[in-house]
Amino acid sequence: MGNWRKTRACRVGRCSLALIGVGIIAWDGIEGGRLIGIVISLGVPLGFAGQTLALRRYHQFDMVPALCVGGFVTFFAAGTMGFFAGHVGGGFNVSPREALLLAMMGILQLSIPCVFFVRGARSVPAVTAALVVMLDAVLNPLWPWLFIGEKLGEPAIFGGAIVIGAVIISVIGGRWTARRQA
């Protein structure tokens, strides 16, 4: 019983550390007048948390077909939302070049990583899987900084470093705990 409490406390601590890092990044956006965007963007981690829990709970089932169906449903939902936003043709009015770019981005940025996540989530603790996924949001601002020289704000750097630290602690700490118990 004592080990369970220690392990659970470690998981809560790692998640809390990551949430503090994300909070620092988000607070900068709130102060910048982007509250609505930040509130809406909370749907992404909540949805991903639900996905992670479902993957862990139903690990015996292949979730790749469900992932594909979800992609198509999202495509049609986003296109339909374009009509409500007042766009001519809704979200489906794109040129062939844009459609090709969107298809490539869908494959490279969403499909392949999601399939890898679905396959890998079966073999790692849910907390570690969720924290590793948080690296995506933290590392995304680095690409414009590296390739076009966009300036990163101090809160983004500080909060991102905290999240990366939580991921490292989760991965290394989990291995260290497993060796200690063995």
N, C-alpha and C. Protein backbone atom coordinates (compact mmCIF):
# COMPACT_ATOMS: atom_id res chain seq x y z
N MET A 1 0.83 -1.19 0.00
CA MET A 1 0.00 0.00 0.00
C MET A 1 0.87 1.26 0.00
N GLY A 2 1.99 1.24 0.72
CA GLY A 2 2.87 2.40 0.79
C GLY A 2 3.49 2.74 -0.55
N ASN A 3 3.91 1.72 -1.32
CA ASN A 3 4.49 1.97 -2.65
C ASN A 3 3.48 2.58 -3.58
N TRP A 4 2.21 2.14 -3.49
CA TRP A 4 1.18 2.69 -4.35
C TRP A 4 1.02 4.18 -4.10
N ARG A 5 1.01 4.57 -2.83
CA ARG A 5 0.86 5.99 -2.50
C ARG A 5 2.04 6.79 -3.00
N LYS A 6 3.25 6.25 -2.82
CA LYS A 6 4.43 6.97 -3.30
C LYS A 6 4.40 7.11 -4.82
N THR A 7 4.04 6.04 -5.53
CA THR A 7 3.99 6.08 -6.98
C THR A 7 2.93 7.06 -7.44
N ARG A 8 1.76 7.02 -6.82
CA ARG A 8 0.67 7.94 -7.19
C ARG A 8 1.08 9.38 -6.90
N ALA A 9 1.72 9.61 -5.79
CA ALA A 9 2.17 10.96 -5.46
C ALA A 9 3.19 11.45 -6.47
N CYS A 10 4.07 10.57 -6.95
CA CYS A 10 5.05 10.96 -7.97
C CYS A 10 4.35 11.33 -9.27
N ARG A 11 3.33 10.55 -9.66
CA ARG A 11 2.59 10.86 -10.88
C ARG A 11 1.90 12.21 -10.77
N VAL A 12 1.26 12.45 -9.64
CA VAL A 12 0.57 13.72 -9.43
C VAL A 12 1.59 14.86 -9.44
N GLY A 13 2.74 14.64 -8.85
CA GLY A 13 3.78 15.66 -8.83
C GLY A 13 4.29 16.00 -10.22
N ARG A 14 4.52 14.98 -11.05
CA ARG A 14 5.00 15.22 -12.41
C ARG A 14 3.95 15.95 -13.23
N CYS A 15 2.69 15.54 -13.10
CA CYS A 15 1.61 16.21 -13.83
C CYS A 15 1.45 17.64 -13.34
N SER A 16 1.54 17.85 -12.05
CA SER A 16 1.42 19.20 -11.50
C SER A 16 2.54 20.09 -12.00
N LEU A 17 3.75 19.55 -12.06
CA LEU A 17 4.88 20.31 -12.58
C LEU A 17 4.63 20.71 -14.04
N ALA A 18 4.15 19.78 -14.84
CA ALA A 18 3.85 20.08 -16.24
C ALA A 18 2.75 21.12 -16.34
N LEU A 19 1.72 21.02 -15.50
CA LEU A 19 0.62 21.99 -15.54
C LEU A 19 1.10 23.38 -15.14
N ILE A 20 2.03 23.45 -14.22
CA ILE A 20 2.60 24.75 -13.84
C ILE A 20 3.30 25.37 -15.05
N GLY A 21 4.07 24.55 -15.77
CA GLY A 21 4.75 25.05 -16.97
C GLY A 21 3.77 25.54 -18.02
N VAL A 22 2.72 24.77 -18.26
CA VAL A 22 1.70 25.18 -19.23
C VAL A 22 0.99 26.43 -18.73
N GLY A 23 0.74 26.51 -17.44
CA GLY A 23 0.09 27.70 -16.87
C GLY A 23 0.91 28.96 -17.08
N ILE A 24 2.23 28.84 -16.96
CA ILE A 24 3.09 30.00 -17.19
C ILE A 24 2.99 30.45 -18.64
N ILE A 25 2.99 29.50 -19.55
CA ILE A 25 2.87 29.83 -20.97
C ILE A 25 1.50 30.46 -21.25
N ALA A 26 0.44 29.88 -20.70
CA ALA A 26 -0.91 30.37 -20.94
C ALA A 26 -1.12 31.75 -20.31
N TRP A 27 -0.55 31.97 -19.14
CA TRP A 27 -0.73 33.26 -18.47
C TRP A 27 -0.22 34.40 -19.34
N ASP A 28 0.88 34.15 -20.05
CA ASP A 28 1.42 35.15 -20.95
C ASP A 28 0.40 35.48 -22.04
N GLY A 29 -0.30 34.47 -22.54
CA GLY A 29 -1.33 34.69 -23.55
C GLY A 29 -2.52 35.44 -23.01
N ILE A 30 -2.90 35.14 -21.77
CA ILE A 30 -4.05 35.83 -21.15
C ILE A 30 -3.73 37.31 -21.00
N GLU A 31 -2.50 37.60 -20.54
CA GLU A 31 -2.11 38.99 -20.39
C GLU A 31 -2.03 39.70 -21.73
N GLY A 32 -1.78 38.94 -22.79
CA GLY A 32 -1.70 39.51 -24.13
C GLY A 32 -3.06 39.70 -24.77
N GLY A 33 -4.15 39.42 -24.06
CA GLY A 33 -5.49 39.63 -24.57
C GLY A 33 -6.02 38.49 -25.41
N ARG A 34 -5.45 37.30 -25.26
CA ARG A 34 -5.88 36.15 -26.06
C ARG A 34 -6.62 35.12 -25.20
N LEU A 35 -7.45 35.58 -24.29
CA LEU A 35 -8.16 34.69 -23.37
C LEU A 35 -9.08 33.72 -24.09
N ILE A 36 -9.84 34.19 -25.07
CA ILE A 36 -10.79 33.31 -25.76
C ILE A 36 -10.06 32.18 -26.46
N GLY A 37 -8.98 32.49 -27.13
CA GLY A 37 -8.20 31.46 -27.81
C GLY A 37 -7.63 30.44 -26.85
N ILE A 38 -7.19 30.89 -25.70
CA ILE A 38 -6.63 29.97 -24.71
C ILE A 38 -7.73 29.08 -24.13
N VAL A 39 -8.89 29.65 -23.86
CA VAL A 39 -9.99 28.85 -23.33
C VAL A 39 -10.41 27.80 -24.35
N ILE A 40 -10.51 28.19 -25.61
CA ILE A 40 -10.88 27.23 -26.66
C ILE A 40 -9.80 26.16 -26.81
N SER A 41 -8.55 26.56 -26.70
CA SER A 41 -7.46 25.60 -26.88
C SER A 41 -7.39 24.58 -25.74
N LEU A 42 -8.08 24.81 -24.65
CA LEU A 42 -8.11 23.81 -23.58
C LEU A 42 -8.82 22.54 -24.02
N GLY A 43 -9.64 22.63 -25.04
CA GLY A 43 -10.31 21.44 -25.57
C GLY A 43 -9.35 20.41 -26.12
N VAL A 44 -8.22 20.85 -26.65
CA VAL A 44 -7.25 19.92 -27.23
C VAL A 44 -6.65 19.02 -26.15
N PRO A 45 -6.08 19.56 -25.07
CA PRO A 45 -5.53 18.64 -24.07
C PRO A 45 -6.59 17.80 -23.37
N LEU A 46 -7.80 18.36 -23.19
CA LEU A 46 -8.86 17.57 -22.57
C LEU A 46 -9.25 16.41 -23.48
N GLY A 47 -9.37 16.67 -24.76
CA GLY A 47 -9.67 15.60 -25.71
C GLY A 47 -8.56 14.57 -25.78
N PHE A 48 -7.32 15.05 -25.74
CA PHE A 48 -6.19 14.13 -25.79
C PHE A 48 -6.10 13.30 -24.52
N ALA A 49 -6.43 13.90 -23.39
CA ALA A 49 -6.44 13.14 -22.14
C ALA A 49 -7.48 12.03 -22.21
N GLY A 50 -8.64 12.35 -22.75
CA GLY A 50 -9.67 11.31 -22.93
C GLY A 50 -9.20 10.21 -23.86
N GLN A 51 -8.51 10.60 -24.94
CA GLN A 51 -7.98 9.61 -25.87
C GLN A 51 -6.95 8.72 -25.18
N THR A 52 -6.07 9.31 -24.40
CA THR A 52 -5.04 8.54 -23.70
C THR A 52 -5.68 7.55 -22.73
N LEU A 53 -6.67 8.01 -21.99
CA LEU A 53 -7.35 7.11 -21.04
C LEU A 53 -8.05 5.97 -21.78
N ALA A 54 -8.69 6.29 -22.90
CA ALA A 54 -9.37 5.24 -23.67
C ALA A 54 -8.36 4.23 -24.22
N LEU A 55 -7.21 4.72 -24.68
CA LEU A 55 -6.18 3.81 -25.19
C LEU A 55 -5.67 2.87 -24.11
N ARG A 56 -5.50 3.40 -22.92
CA ARG A 56 -5.01 2.56 -21.81
C ARG A 56 -6.10 1.59 -21.36
N ARG A 57 -7.34 2.06 -21.31
CA ARG A 57 -8.44 1.22 -20.82
C ARG A 57 -8.76 0.08 -21.78
N TYR A 58 -8.75 0.38 -23.08
CA TYR A 58 -9.11 -0.61 -24.10
C TYR A 58 -7.89 -1.01 -24.93
N HIS A 59 -6.78 -1.26 -24.25
CA HIS A 59 -5.51 -1.56 -24.93
C HIS A 59 -5.56 -2.85 -25.74
N GLN A 60 -6.52 -3.71 -25.47
CA GLN A 60 -6.60 -4.97 -26.21
C GLN A 60 -7.20 -4.78 -27.60
N PHE A 61 -7.81 -3.63 -27.87
CA PHE A 61 -8.42 -3.36 -29.17
C PHE A 61 -7.49 -2.49 -30.01
N ASP A 62 -7.53 -2.68 -31.33
CA ASP A 62 -6.78 -1.84 -32.25
C ASP A 62 -7.55 -0.54 -32.45
N MET A 63 -6.97 0.57 -32.03
CA MET A 63 -7.66 1.85 -32.09
C MET A 63 -7.36 2.64 -33.36
N VAL A 64 -6.52 2.12 -34.26
CA VAL A 64 -6.20 2.85 -35.49
C VAL A 64 -7.45 3.08 -36.35
N PRO A 65 -8.35 2.08 -36.53
CA PRO A 65 -9.57 2.38 -37.31
C PRO A 65 -10.42 3.49 -36.67
N ALA A 66 -10.52 3.50 -35.36
CA ALA A 66 -11.27 4.56 -34.69
C ALA A 66 -10.61 5.91 -34.92
N LEU A 67 -9.29 5.93 -34.94
CA LEU A 67 -8.55 7.15 -35.20
C LEU A 67 -8.86 7.67 -36.61
N CYS A 68 -8.93 6.77 -37.59
CA CYS A 68 -9.25 7.15 -38.97
C CYS A 68 -10.67 7.70 -39.08
N VAL A 69 -11.62 7.05 -38.45
CA VAL A 69 -13.01 7.53 -38.46
C VAL A 69 -13.07 8.91 -37.81
N GLY A 70 -12.37 9.09 -36.70
CA GLY A 70 -12.34 10.38 -36.03
C GLY A 70 -11.77 11.47 -36.92
N GLY A 71 -10.77 11.14 -37.72
CA GLY A 71 -10.20 12.10 -38.66
C GLY A 71 -11.21 12.56 -39.70
N PHE A 72 -11.96 11.61 -40.25
CA PHE A 72 -12.97 11.96 -41.25
C PHE A 72 -14.10 12.78 -40.63
N VAL A 73 -14.53 12.40 -39.44
CA VAL A 73 -15.59 13.16 -38.77
C VAL A 73 -15.12 14.58 -38.49
N THR A 74 -13.88 14.73 -38.06
CA THR A 74 -13.33 16.06 -37.78
C THR A 74 -13.26 16.89 -39.06
N PHE A 75 -12.84 16.26 -40.17
CA PHE A 75 -12.77 16.95 -41.45
C PHE A 75 -14.13 17.53 -41.83
N PHE A 76 -15.17 16.71 -41.75
CA PHE A 76 -16.50 17.19 -42.13
C PHE A 76 -17.05 18.19 -41.12
N ALA A 77 -16.74 18.02 -39.84
CA ALA A 77 -17.20 18.99 -38.84
C ALA A 77 -16.53 20.35 -39.06
N ALA A 78 -15.23 20.34 -39.33
CA ALA A 78 -14.51 21.60 -39.57
C ALA A 78 -15.00 22.28 -40.84
N GLY A 79 -15.24 21.48 -41.88
CA GLY A 79 -15.76 22.06 -43.12
C GLY A 79 -17.13 22.67 -42.93
N THR A 80 -17.97 22.00 -42.19
CA THR A 80 -19.31 22.51 -41.93
C THR A 80 -19.26 23.77 -41.08
N MET A 81 -18.34 23.83 -40.14
CA MET A 81 -18.20 25.02 -39.31
C MET A 81 -17.82 26.24 -40.15
N GLY A 82 -17.14 26.00 -41.27
CA GLY A 82 -16.81 27.09 -42.17
C GLY A 82 -18.04 27.79 -42.72
N PHE A 83 -19.12 27.04 -42.94
CA PHE A 83 -20.37 27.64 -43.40
C PHE A 83 -20.93 28.58 -42.33
N PHE A 84 -20.88 28.15 -41.08
CA PHE A 84 -21.41 28.98 -40.00
C PHE A 84 -20.55 30.21 -39.75
N ALA A 85 -19.27 30.13 -40.11
CA ALA A 85 -18.39 31.28 -39.94
C ALA A 85 -18.53 32.27 -41.09
N GLY A 86 -19.34 31.90 -42.11
CA GLY A 86 -19.61 32.83 -43.19
C GLY A 86 -18.69 32.71 -44.39
N HIS A 87 -17.88 31.68 -44.48
CA HIS A 87 -16.98 31.51 -45.61
C HIS A 87 -17.75 30.94 -46.80
N VAL A 88 -17.46 31.46 -47.98
CA VAL A 88 -18.10 30.95 -49.19
C VAL A 88 -17.61 29.53 -49.41
N GLY A 89 -18.52 28.61 -49.54
CA GLY A 89 -18.12 27.21 -49.72
C GLY A 89 -17.76 26.53 -48.41
N GLY A 90 -17.91 27.22 -47.31
CA GLY A 90 -17.57 26.64 -46.01
C GLY A 90 -16.09 26.37 -45.91
N GLY A 91 -15.74 25.36 -45.17
CA GLY A 91 -14.34 24.99 -45.01
C GLY A 91 -13.86 24.08 -46.12
N PHE A 92 -14.72 23.82 -47.11
CA PHE A 92 -14.36 22.91 -48.19
C PHE A 92 -13.88 23.65 -49.44
N ASN A 93 -13.92 24.97 -49.44
CA ASN A 93 -13.55 25.76 -50.61
C ASN A 93 -12.05 26.03 -50.59
N VAL A 94 -11.26 25.08 -51.09
CA VAL A 94 -9.81 25.22 -51.16
C VAL A 94 -9.35 24.88 -52.57
N SER A 95 -8.25 25.49 -52.95
CA SER A 95 -7.69 25.22 -54.27
C SER A 95 -7.01 23.84 -54.26
N PRO A 96 -6.75 23.28 -55.43
CA PRO A 96 -6.06 21.97 -55.47
C PRO A 96 -4.70 22.01 -54.77
N ARG A 97 -3.97 23.12 -54.93
CA ARG A 97 -2.65 23.23 -54.27
C ARG A 97 -2.82 23.19 -52.74
N GLU A 98 -3.79 23.96 -52.23
CA GLU A 98 -4.04 23.97 -50.79
C GLU A 98 -4.52 22.60 -50.30
N ALA A 99 -5.34 21.92 -51.11
CA ALA A 99 -5.81 20.59 -50.73
C ALA A 99 -4.63 19.62 -50.63
N LEU A 100 -3.68 19.72 -51.57
CA LEU A 100 -2.49 18.86 -51.51
C LEU A 100 -1.65 19.17 -50.27
N LEU A 101 -1.46 20.46 -49.98
CA LEU A 101 -0.71 20.83 -48.77
C LEU A 101 -1.41 20.33 -47.51
N LEU A 102 -2.72 20.49 -47.45
CA LEU A 102 -3.47 20.01 -46.28
C LEU A 102 -3.37 18.49 -46.15
N ALA A 103 -3.43 17.79 -47.27
CA ALA A 103 -3.31 16.33 -47.23
C ALA A 103 -1.94 15.92 -46.73
N MET A 104 -0.89 16.59 -47.20
CA MET A 104 0.47 16.26 -46.74
C MET A 104 0.63 16.57 -45.25
N MET A 105 0.10 17.72 -44.82
CA MET A 105 0.18 18.06 -43.40
C MET A 105 -0.60 17.07 -42.57
N GLY A 106 -1.76 16.64 -43.07
CA GLY A 106 -2.56 15.66 -42.34
C GLY A 106 -1.82 14.35 -42.15
N ILE A 107 -1.12 13.94 -43.18
CA ILE A 107 -0.37 12.68 -43.10
C ILE A 107 0.84 12.83 -42.19
N LEU A 108 1.65 13.87 -42.44
CA LEU A 108 2.91 14.02 -41.71
C LEU A 108 2.75 14.54 -40.28
N GLN A 109 1.80 15.43 -40.07
CA GLN A 109 1.67 16.03 -38.74
C GLN A 109 0.64 15.36 -37.86
N LEU A 110 -0.32 14.68 -38.45
CA LEU A 110 -1.37 14.08 -37.63
C LEU A 110 -1.40 12.56 -37.71
N SER A 111 -1.56 12.03 -38.90
CA SER A 111 -1.78 10.59 -39.05
C SER A 111 -0.63 9.75 -38.51
N ILE A 112 0.55 9.99 -39.03
CA ILE A 112 1.69 9.16 -38.63
C ILE A 112 1.98 9.29 -37.13
N PRO A 113 2.07 10.53 -36.59
CA PRO A 113 2.29 10.62 -35.14
C PRO A 113 1.19 9.98 -34.30
N CYS A 114 -0.07 10.14 -34.73
CA CYS A 114 -1.17 9.54 -33.96
C CYS A 114 -1.13 8.02 -33.99
N VAL A 115 -0.79 7.44 -35.14
CA VAL A 115 -0.67 5.98 -35.21
C VAL A 115 0.46 5.51 -34.30
N PHE A 116 1.59 6.22 -34.31
CA PHE A 116 2.69 5.86 -33.41
C PHE A 116 2.27 5.97 -31.95
N PHE A 117 1.51 7.02 -31.64
CA PHE A 117 1.06 7.20 -30.26
C PHE A 117 0.12 6.08 -29.85
N VAL A 118 -0.82 5.74 -30.73
CA VAL A 118 -1.78 4.68 -30.42
C VAL A 118 -1.04 3.37 -30.17
N ARG A 119 -0.04 3.08 -30.99
CA ARG A 119 0.73 1.84 -30.82
C ARG A 119 1.60 1.88 -29.55
N GLY A 120 2.22 3.02 -29.30
CA GLY A 120 3.13 3.12 -28.15
C GLY A 120 2.44 3.27 -26.82
N ALA A 121 1.22 3.81 -26.81
CA ALA A 121 0.51 4.05 -25.55
C ALA A 121 0.18 2.76 -24.82
N ARG A 122 0.23 1.65 -25.53
CA ARG A 122 -0.06 0.37 -24.89
C ARG A 122 1.05 -0.06 -23.93
N SER A 123 2.26 0.43 -24.16
CA SER A 123 3.39 -0.10 -23.41
C SER A 123 4.03 0.87 -22.43
N VAL A 124 3.50 2.08 -22.30
CA VAL A 124 4.06 3.02 -21.33
C VAL A 124 2.94 3.48 -20.41
N PRO A 125 3.29 3.93 -19.21
CA PRO A 125 2.26 4.44 -18.31
C PRO A 125 1.53 5.63 -18.93
N ALA A 126 0.26 5.78 -18.61
CA ALA A 126 -0.56 6.84 -19.19
C ALA A 126 0.01 8.23 -18.88
N VAL A 127 0.55 8.41 -17.68
CA VAL A 127 1.12 9.71 -17.31
C VAL A 127 2.29 10.04 -18.20
N THR A 128 3.17 9.08 -18.43
CA THR A 128 4.33 9.32 -19.28
C THR A 128 3.90 9.60 -20.71
N ALA A 129 2.93 8.85 -21.22
CA ALA A 129 2.44 9.08 -22.58
C ALA A 129 1.86 10.49 -22.71
N ALA A 130 1.08 10.90 -21.74
CA ALA A 130 0.48 12.23 -21.80
C ALA A 130 1.54 13.33 -21.71
N LEU A 131 2.53 13.13 -20.87
CA LEU A 131 3.59 14.13 -20.75
C LEU A 131 4.44 14.22 -22.00
N VAL A 132 4.73 13.09 -22.61
CA VAL A 132 5.52 13.10 -23.84
C VAL A 132 4.75 13.84 -24.94
N VAL A 133 3.45 13.65 -24.98
CA VAL A 133 2.63 14.35 -25.98
C VAL A 133 2.67 15.85 -25.73
N MET A 134 2.77 16.27 -24.48
CA MET A 134 2.85 17.70 -24.17
C MET A 134 4.08 18.34 -24.81
N LEU A 135 5.09 17.52 -25.11
CA LEU A 135 6.27 18.07 -25.76
C LEU A 135 5.93 18.69 -27.11
N ASP A 136 4.90 18.18 -27.76
CA ASP A 136 4.50 18.73 -29.05
C ASP A 136 4.16 20.21 -28.92
N ALA A 137 3.33 20.54 -27.96
CA ALA A 137 2.93 21.94 -27.76
C ALA A 137 4.10 22.80 -27.31
N VAL A 138 5.00 22.22 -26.53
CA VAL A 138 6.12 22.98 -26.01
C VAL A 138 7.18 23.20 -27.09
N LEU A 139 7.41 22.20 -27.92
CA LEU A 139 8.46 22.30 -28.94
C LEU A 139 8.00 23.02 -30.21
N ASN A 140 6.69 23.14 -30.43
CA ASN A 140 6.20 23.81 -31.64
C ASN A 140 6.73 25.23 -31.82
N PRO A 141 6.83 26.06 -30.77
CA PRO A 141 7.38 27.40 -30.99
C PRO A 141 8.87 27.40 -31.38
N LEU A 142 9.56 26.29 -31.16
CA LEU A 142 10.98 26.27 -31.51
C LEU A 142 11.22 26.28 -33.01
N TRP A 143 10.31 25.68 -33.79
CA TRP A 143 10.54 25.60 -35.24
C TRP A 143 10.56 26.98 -35.89
N PRO A 144 9.60 27.87 -35.60
CA PRO A 144 9.70 29.22 -36.19
C PRO A 144 10.93 29.97 -35.67
N TRP A 145 11.31 29.72 -34.43
CA TRP A 145 12.50 30.37 -33.88
C TRP A 145 13.74 29.90 -34.61
N LEU A 146 13.85 28.59 -34.85
CA LEU A 146 15.03 28.05 -35.53
C LEU A 146 15.10 28.45 -37.00
N PHE A 147 13.97 28.42 -37.70
CA PHE A 147 14.02 28.57 -39.15
C PHE A 147 13.74 29.96 -39.67
N ILE A 148 12.99 30.79 -38.93
CA ILE A 148 12.73 32.14 -39.45
C ILE A 148 13.06 33.23 -38.42
N GLY A 149 13.63 32.85 -37.30
CA GLY A 149 14.09 33.83 -36.34
C GLY A 149 13.01 34.50 -35.50
N GLU A 150 11.83 33.87 -35.38
CA GLU A 150 10.77 34.44 -34.54
C GLU A 150 11.24 34.48 -33.09
N LYS A 151 10.92 35.57 -32.41
CA LYS A 151 11.37 35.75 -31.02
C LYS A 151 10.43 35.03 -30.06
N LEU A 152 10.99 34.24 -29.18
CA LEU A 152 10.21 33.57 -28.14
C LEU A 152 10.18 34.46 -26.90
N GLY A 153 9.01 34.51 -26.27
CA GLY A 153 8.89 35.26 -25.03
C GLY A 153 9.49 34.48 -23.86
N GLU A 154 9.90 35.21 -22.84
CA GLU A 154 10.48 34.56 -21.67
C GLU A 154 9.53 33.56 -21.00
N PRO A 155 8.22 33.88 -20.87
CA PRO A 155 7.32 32.89 -20.27
C PRO A 155 7.25 31.59 -21.07
N ALA A 156 7.30 31.69 -22.40
CA ALA A 156 7.28 30.48 -23.22
C ALA A 156 8.52 29.63 -22.98
N ILE A 157 9.65 30.28 -22.88
CA ILE A 157 10.90 29.54 -22.63
C ILE A 157 10.89 28.92 -21.24
N PHE A 158 10.51 29.70 -20.23
CA PHE A 158 10.52 29.22 -18.86
C PHE A 158 9.49 28.11 -18.65
N GLY A 159 8.26 28.34 -19.11
CA GLY A 159 7.21 27.33 -18.98
C GLY A 159 7.55 26.07 -19.75
N GLY A 160 8.08 26.23 -20.96
CA GLY A 160 8.48 25.08 -21.77
C GLY A 160 9.58 24.26 -21.09
N ALA A 161 10.53 24.94 -20.47
CA ALA A 161 11.60 24.23 -19.76
C ALA A 161 11.03 23.41 -18.60
N ILE A 162 10.03 23.95 -17.92
CA ILE A 162 9.41 23.21 -16.81
C ILE A 162 8.71 21.96 -17.33
N VAL A 163 7.98 22.08 -18.45
CA VAL A 163 7.29 20.92 -19.02
C VAL A 163 8.30 19.87 -19.47
N ILE A 164 9.36 20.30 -20.14
CA ILE A 164 10.40 19.36 -20.57
C ILE A 164 11.03 18.68 -19.37
N GLY A 165 11.25 19.43 -18.29
CA GLY A 165 11.78 18.83 -17.06
C GLY A 165 10.84 17.78 -16.49
N ALA A 166 9.53 18.04 -16.53
CA ALA A 166 8.56 17.07 -16.03
C ALA A 166 8.58 15.80 -16.87
N VAL A 167 8.74 15.94 -18.17
CA VAL A 167 8.81 14.76 -19.05
C VAL A 167 10.06 13.96 -18.75
N ILE A 168 11.18 14.63 -18.60
CA ILE A 168 12.43 13.93 -18.30
C ILE A 168 12.34 13.21 -16.96
N ILE A 169 11.78 13.89 -15.97
CA ILE A 169 11.60 13.25 -14.66
C ILE A 169 10.70 12.04 -14.78
N SER A 170 9.63 12.15 -15.58
CA SER A 170 8.70 11.04 -15.73
C SER A 170 9.37 9.84 -16.39
N VAL A 171 10.11 10.08 -17.45
CA VAL A 171 10.75 8.97 -18.17
C VAL A 171 11.87 8.36 -17.35
N ILE A 172 12.77 9.19 -16.84
CA ILE A 172 13.91 8.67 -16.07
C ILE A 172 13.45 8.17 -14.71
N GLY A 173 12.54 8.90 -14.06
CA GLY A 173 12.05 8.49 -12.74
C GLY A 173 11.33 7.16 -12.78
N GLY A 174 10.56 6.93 -13.84
CA GLY A 174 9.85 5.65 -13.98
C GLY A 174 10.83 4.49 -14.10
N ARG A 175 11.87 4.68 -14.87
CA ARG A 175 12.89 3.62 -15.01
C ARG A 175 13.63 3.41 -13.69
N TRP A 176 13.94 4.50 -13.01
CA TRP A 176 14.68 4.40 -11.75
C TRP A 176 13.84 3.70 -10.71
N THR A 177 12.54 4.03 -10.65
CA THR A 177 11.64 3.38 -9.69
C THR A 177 11.51 1.90 -9.99
N ALA A 178 11.41 1.53 -11.26
CA ALA A 178 11.29 0.12 -11.64
C ALA A 178 12.54 -0.66 -11.24
N ARG A 179 13.70 -0.05 -11.43
CA ARG A 179 14.94 -0.75 -11.03
C ARG A 179 15.05 -0.90 -9.52
N ARG A 180 14.58 0.12 -8.79
CA ARG A 180 14.65 0.05 -7.32
C ARG A 180 13.74 -1.03 -6.79
N GLN A 181 12.57 -1.19 -7.41
CA GLN A 181 11.62 -2.19 -6.94
C GLN A 181 12.03 -3.59 -7.34
N ALA A 182 12.86 -3.72 -8.36
CA ALA A 182 13.28 -5.06 -8.85
C ALA A 182 14.34 -5.68 -7.99
